[in-house]
């Protein structure tokens, strides 16, 4: 196991073990420690060496801190997650339902695992804060000859694109890991055309009372590692005038959600 902060995994397991046992999904051979590891790396959570001692706290509050985290995981991300999170990527692409000639923005493209899934008849713009992650994405683009894909280093909280630039936008495992999730979603809505499609693949606060309480219990710990367990989908959509069209539970234990929204007419 990669040496993630043990205090984080302990707290994560203490909160989620009852949920995992109740789901009886442990029969699959995936232990709580492995789930904690998957969740941590999926959201590119920092280790002790990246942000000091656990007791000092390490909220990811600046783009520089986020870049450091992303750069670290760039070397291992594909090895661990190419197959583990393939369901979420596939469902997200299906929900987008890209049409010929449409222009898509992928926010937080990382190493580009989703890029081969998009139709060649659409224009794909993909951004990430980490140049190291984008180096891996560039290798895929060149190897597979994805001539419809353009990559750019950019902060999702302050995008340089003009208003209404894209027909649709997708963000995989990004929103709850951002220093300001609401700012990211606000920027996504700004650059997406009125009536455009927005797809999130992310963990959102559970709608079940007991599980929501568990998430609240460990949120203080998780926030020190740069991600949010209590990010509530409904208020997030309401604050940004996004209309929920469809959602599906994806990946191991159905812990993540693929959410299709329609941008407001502004």
Protein backbone atom coordinates (compact mmCIF):
# COMPACT_ATOMS: atom_id res chain seq x y z
CA UNK A 1 0.00 0.00 0.00
CA UNK A 2 1.19 3.51 -0.84
CA UNK A 3 2.19 5.27 2.36
CA UNK A 4 -0.78 7.59 2.81
CA UNK A 5 -1.28 9.36 6.10
CA UNK A 6 -2.28 6.58 8.53
CA UNK A 7 -4.32 8.88 10.73
CA UNK A 8 -6.52 9.70 7.74
CA UNK A 9 -7.12 6.06 6.85
CA UNK A 10 -7.88 5.17 10.48
CA UNK A 11 -10.47 7.94 10.76
CA UNK A 12 -11.93 7.07 7.39
CA UNK A 13 -12.34 3.42 8.35
CA UNK A 14 -13.84 4.21 11.74
CA UNK A 15 -16.54 6.23 10.00
CA UNK A 16 -17.22 4.00 7.03
CA UNK A 17 -16.72 0.47 8.28
CA UNK A 18 -20.36 0.16 9.43
CA UNK A 19 -21.53 1.33 6.02
CA UNK A 20 -19.30 -1.16 4.21
CA UNK A 21 -20.36 -4.05 6.41
CA UNK A 22 -23.99 -3.16 5.94
CA UNK A 23 -23.58 -3.15 2.16
CA UNK A 24 -22.05 -6.66 2.34
CA UNK A 25 -19.72 -5.55 -0.43
CA UNK A 26 -16.69 -6.77 1.49
CA UNK A 27 -17.33 -10.13 -0.15
CA UNK A 28 -15.66 -8.66 -3.25
CA UNK A 29 -12.34 -8.72 -1.42
CA UNK A 30 -11.98 -4.93 -1.32
CA UNK A 31 -11.13 -3.96 2.25
CA UNK A 32 -11.90 -0.63 3.90
CA UNK A 33 -8.20 0.28 3.75
CA UNK A 34 -8.22 -0.23 0.00
CA UNK A 35 -11.37 1.87 -0.39
CA UNK A 36 -9.78 4.63 1.67
CA UNK A 37 -6.70 4.46 -0.51
CA UNK A 38 -8.76 4.57 -3.71
CA UNK A 39 -10.72 7.57 -2.44
CA UNK A 40 -7.60 9.37 -1.32
CA UNK A 41 -5.71 8.98 -4.58
CA UNK A 42 -8.78 9.56 -6.73
CA UNK A 43 -9.08 12.99 -5.18
CA UNK A 44 -5.25 13.33 -5.17
CA UNK A 45 -4.98 13.77 -1.41
CA UNK A 46 -1.57 14.83 -0.07
CA UNK A 47 0.63 12.76 2.23
CA UNK A 48 2.43 13.91 5.36
CA UNK A 49 5.58 14.79 3.44
CA UNK A 50 3.65 17.17 1.20
CA UNK A 51 2.08 19.37 3.82
CA UNK A 52 3.63 18.83 7.21
CA UNK A 53 2.41 16.87 10.22
CA UNK A 54 -1.19 15.78 10.50
CA UNK A 55 -1.59 17.58 13.81
CA UNK A 56 -0.69 20.86 12.11
CA UNK A 57 -3.44 20.45 9.53
CA UNK A 58 -3.03 20.75 5.79
CA UNK A 59 -6.01 22.19 4.02
CA UNK A 60 -5.33 22.71 0.35
CA UNK A 61 -5.89 26.44 0.12
CA UNK A 62 -3.69 27.58 -2.78
CA UNK A 63 -3.11 26.54 -6.39
CA UNK A 64 0.57 25.93 -5.59
CA UNK A 65 -0.36 23.38 -2.91
CA UNK A 66 -2.79 21.66 -5.27
CA UNK A 67 -0.16 21.48 -8.03
CA UNK A 68 2.26 19.77 -5.65
CA UNK A 69 -0.33 17.14 -4.82
CA UNK A 70 -1.29 16.53 -8.43
CA UNK A 71 2.34 16.28 -9.56
CA UNK A 72 3.00 13.58 -6.98
CA UNK A 73 0.18 11.32 -8.13
CA UNK A 74 0.83 11.78 -11.85
CA UNK A 75 3.30 8.90 -11.85
CA UNK A 76 0.92 6.36 -10.29
CA UNK A 77 -2.58 7.49 -11.23
CA UNK A 78 -3.06 5.33 -14.34
CA UNK A 79 -1.60 2.25 -12.68
CA UNK A 80 -4.17 2.34 -9.89
CA UNK A 81 -7.23 3.88 -11.54
CA UNK A 82 -7.32 2.96 -15.21
CA UNK A 83 -9.71 0.11 -14.47
CA UNK A 84 -10.95 0.89 -10.95
CA UNK A 85 -12.80 4.03 -12.07
CA UNK A 86 -13.54 3.05 -15.66
CA UNK A 87 -17.26 2.74 -14.88
CA UNK A 88 -17.51 6.36 -13.79
CA UNK A 89 -15.68 7.60 -16.87
CA UNK A 90 -17.82 5.52 -19.22
CA UNK A 91 -21.09 6.58 -17.59
CA UNK A 92 -19.98 10.22 -17.68
CA UNK A 93 -19.31 10.07 -21.41
CA UNK A 94 -22.66 8.39 -21.99
CA UNK A 95 -24.45 11.11 -20.04
CA UNK A 96 -22.74 13.83 -22.08
CA UNK A 97 -24.05 12.27 -25.31
CA UNK A 98 -21.69 14.38 -27.41
CA UNK A 99 -22.96 15.28 -30.87
CA UNK A 100 -20.85 15.96 -33.99
CA UNK A 101 -19.41 19.47 -33.96
CA UNK A 102 -20.03 20.09 -30.27
CA UNK A 103 -17.29 21.61 -28.12
CA UNK A 104 -16.55 19.99 -24.75
CA UNK A 105 -14.47 21.26 -21.84
CA UNK A 106 -13.10 18.63 -19.45
CA UNK A 107 -12.07 20.23 -16.15
CA UNK A 108 -9.35 18.36 -14.27
CA UNK A 109 -8.47 15.95 -17.08
CA UNK A 110 -5.49 14.63 -15.13
CA UNK A 111 -3.58 12.00 -17.09
CA UNK A 112 -6.23 11.90 -19.80
CA UNK A 113 -7.84 8.52 -19.09
CA UNK A 114 -11.18 9.73 -20.46
CA UNK A 115 -9.84 11.28 -23.67
CA UNK A 116 -10.01 8.14 -25.85
CA UNK A 117 -13.69 7.74 -24.94
CA UNK A 118 -14.87 10.92 -26.65
CA UNK A 119 -16.05 10.85 -30.29
CA UNK A 120 -13.57 12.19 -32.83
CA UNK A 121 -16.32 14.34 -34.34
CA UNK A 122 -16.37 16.64 -31.30
CA UNK A 123 -13.82 19.25 -30.24
CA UNK A 124 -12.32 18.46 -26.83
CA UNK A 125 -10.58 21.07 -24.67
CA UNK A 126 -9.06 19.57 -21.53
CA UNK A 127 -7.48 21.49 -18.65
CA UNK A 128 -5.63 20.62 -15.48
CA UNK A 129 -3.69 22.57 -12.88
CA UNK A 130 -0.78 20.13 -12.96
CA UNK A 131 1.64 20.19 -15.87
CA UNK A 132 2.96 16.78 -14.76
CA UNK A 133 -0.47 15.23 -15.10
CA UNK A 134 -0.91 16.88 -18.49
CA UNK A 135 2.39 15.42 -19.67
CA UNK A 136 0.83 11.98 -19.27
CA UNK A 137 -2.31 13.18 -21.06
CA UNK A 138 -0.21 14.55 -23.91
CA UNK A 139 1.47 11.16 -24.32
CA UNK A 140 -1.96 9.57 -24.79
CA UNK A 141 -3.05 12.23 -27.27
CA UNK A 142 0.05 11.72 -29.39
CA UNK A 143 0.06 7.92 -29.15
CA UNK A 144 -3.61 7.59 -30.08
CA UNK A 145 -3.61 10.41 -32.65
CA UNK A 146 -6.39 12.36 -30.94
CA UNK A 147 -6.33 15.34 -33.27
CA UNK A 148 -9.57 16.73 -31.86
CA UNK A 149 -8.06 17.21 -28.37
CA UNK A 150 -6.37 20.35 -27.04
CA UNK A 151 -4.68 20.45 -23.62
CA UNK A 152 -4.01 23.46 -21.40
CA UNK A 153 -2.64 24.17 -17.93
CA UNK A 154 -5.31 26.18 -16.11
CA UNK A 155 -6.89 26.78 -12.71
CA UNK A 156 -10.53 25.65 -12.77
CA UNK A 157 -11.36 28.38 -10.24
CA UNK A 158 -10.18 31.11 -12.63
CA UNK A 159 -10.57 29.96 -16.21
CA UNK A 160 -9.46 32.25 -19.03
CA UNK A 161 -12.20 31.21 -21.44
CA UNK A 162 -14.94 33.64 -22.45
CA UNK A 163 -18.52 33.25 -21.27
CA UNK A 164 -20.62 30.65 -23.11
CA UNK A 165 -17.60 29.06 -24.83
CA UNK A 166 -18.62 25.38 -24.59
CA UNK A 167 -21.63 23.26 -25.48
CA UNK A 168 -20.96 21.03 -22.48
CA UNK A 169 -18.55 20.67 -19.56
CA UNK A 170 -17.48 17.68 -17.49
CA UNK A 171 -15.52 17.46 -14.23
CA UNK A 172 -14.39 14.08 -12.86
CA UNK A 173 -13.30 13.77 -9.21
CA UNK A 174 -12.50 17.49 -9.06
CA UNK A 175 -15.20 19.52 -7.34
CA UNK A 176 -14.84 18.22 -3.77
CA UNK A 177 -11.03 18.36 -4.01
CA UNK A 178 -10.92 22.02 -5.02
CA UNK A 179 -10.10 24.73 -2.45
CA UNK A 180 -13.42 26.38 -3.35
CA UNK A 181 -15.92 23.91 -4.88
CA UNK A 182 -18.56 26.59 -5.42
CA UNK A 183 -16.10 28.74 -7.36
CA UNK A 184 -15.25 25.82 -9.64
CA UNK A 185 -18.92 25.13 -10.36
CA UNK A 186 -19.59 28.84 -10.88
CA UNK A 187 -16.79 28.98 -13.46
CA UNK A 188 -18.09 25.85 -15.17
CA UNK A 189 -21.52 27.44 -15.50
CA UNK A 190 -20.01 30.68 -16.80
CA UNK A 191 -18.09 29.06 -19.66
CA UNK A 192 -20.90 26.63 -20.54
CA UNK A 193 -23.54 27.87 -22.97
CA UNK A 194 -27.08 28.49 -21.72
CA UNK A 195 -28.94 25.20 -21.85
CA UNK A 196 -25.65 23.32 -22.13
CA UNK A 197 -24.95 19.99 -20.45
CA UNK A 198 -22.77 19.70 -17.33
CA UNK A 199 -21.62 16.33 -15.96
CA UNK A 200 -19.98 15.77 -12.58
CA UNK A 201 -18.37 12.51 -11.45
CA UNK A 202 -17.85 13.01 -7.73
CA UNK A 203 -18.67 11.98 -4.21
CA UNK A 204 -21.48 14.04 -2.70
CA UNK A 205 -22.94 13.97 0.78
CA UNK A 206 -25.07 10.90 1.38
CA UNK A 207 -28.83 11.28 1.36
CA UNK A 208 -29.13 8.61 4.05
CA UNK A 209 -29.25 10.00 7.58
CA UNK A 210 -26.76 7.65 9.25
CA UNK A 211 -24.25 7.75 6.43
CA UNK A 212 -24.48 11.54 6.30
CA UNK A 213 -23.66 11.63 10.02
CA UNK A 214 -20.61 9.42 9.44
CA UNK A 215 -19.44 11.81 6.72
CA UNK A 216 -19.88 14.76 9.04
CA UNK A 217 -17.85 12.90 11.66
CA UNK A 218 -14.80 12.52 9.45
CA UNK A 219 -15.15 15.75 7.49
CA UNK A 220 -12.81 17.66 9.78
CA UNK A 221 -10.09 15.10 9.14
CA UNK A 222 -10.68 14.95 5.40
CA UNK A 223 -10.66 18.74 5.07
CA UNK A 224 -7.14 18.74 6.44
CA UNK A 225 -6.24 16.59 3.45
CA UNK A 226 -7.89 18.85 0.92
CA UNK A 227 -11.27 17.30 0.17
CA UNK A 228 -14.80 17.59 1.39
CA UNK A 229 -17.04 14.68 2.48
CA UNK A 230 -20.10 16.83 3.15
CA UNK A 231 -20.40 18.63 -0.18
CA UNK A 232 -24.16 18.60 -0.72
CA UNK A 233 -25.28 18.22 -4.33
CA UNK A 234 -28.67 19.93 -4.15
CA UNK A 235 -27.52 23.27 -2.65
CA UNK A 236 -24.56 23.29 -5.05
CA UNK A 237 -26.87 22.96 -8.05
CA UNK A 238 -29.38 25.45 -6.67
CA UNK A 239 -26.71 28.10 -6.02
CA UNK A 240 -25.59 27.86 -9.64
CA UNK A 241 -29.00 27.54 -11.29
CA UNK A 242 -28.24 24.05 -12.56
CA UNK A 243 -31.15 21.72 -13.26
CA UNK A 244 -30.65 18.09 -12.27
CA UNK A 245 -31.49 15.90 -15.24
CA UNK A 246 -30.19 12.48 -14.22
CA UNK A 247 -27.82 10.79 -11.79
CA UNK A 248 -26.34 7.32 -11.38
CA UNK A 249 -24.21 5.71 -8.68
CA UNK A 250 -20.90 4.43 -10.00
CA UNK A 251 -17.61 2.73 -9.07
CA UNK A 252 -16.84 0.50 -6.09
CA UNK A 253 -19.58 0.41 -3.43
CA UNK A 254 -21.56 2.91 -5.58
CA UNK A 255 -19.75 5.54 -3.53
CA UNK A 256 -19.52 8.11 -6.35
CA UNK A 257 -22.24 9.70 -8.44
CA UNK A 258 -22.41 10.57 -12.12
CA UNK A 259 -24.64 13.63 -12.36
CA UNK A 260 -26.06 15.23 -15.51
CA UNK A 261 -27.26 18.83 -15.22
CA UNK A 262 -28.56 21.47 -17.60
CA UNK A 263 -27.06 24.95 -17.38
CA UNK A 264 -29.44 27.85 -16.82
CA UNK A 265 -30.55 30.17 -19.60
CA UNK A 266 -28.90 33.02 -17.64
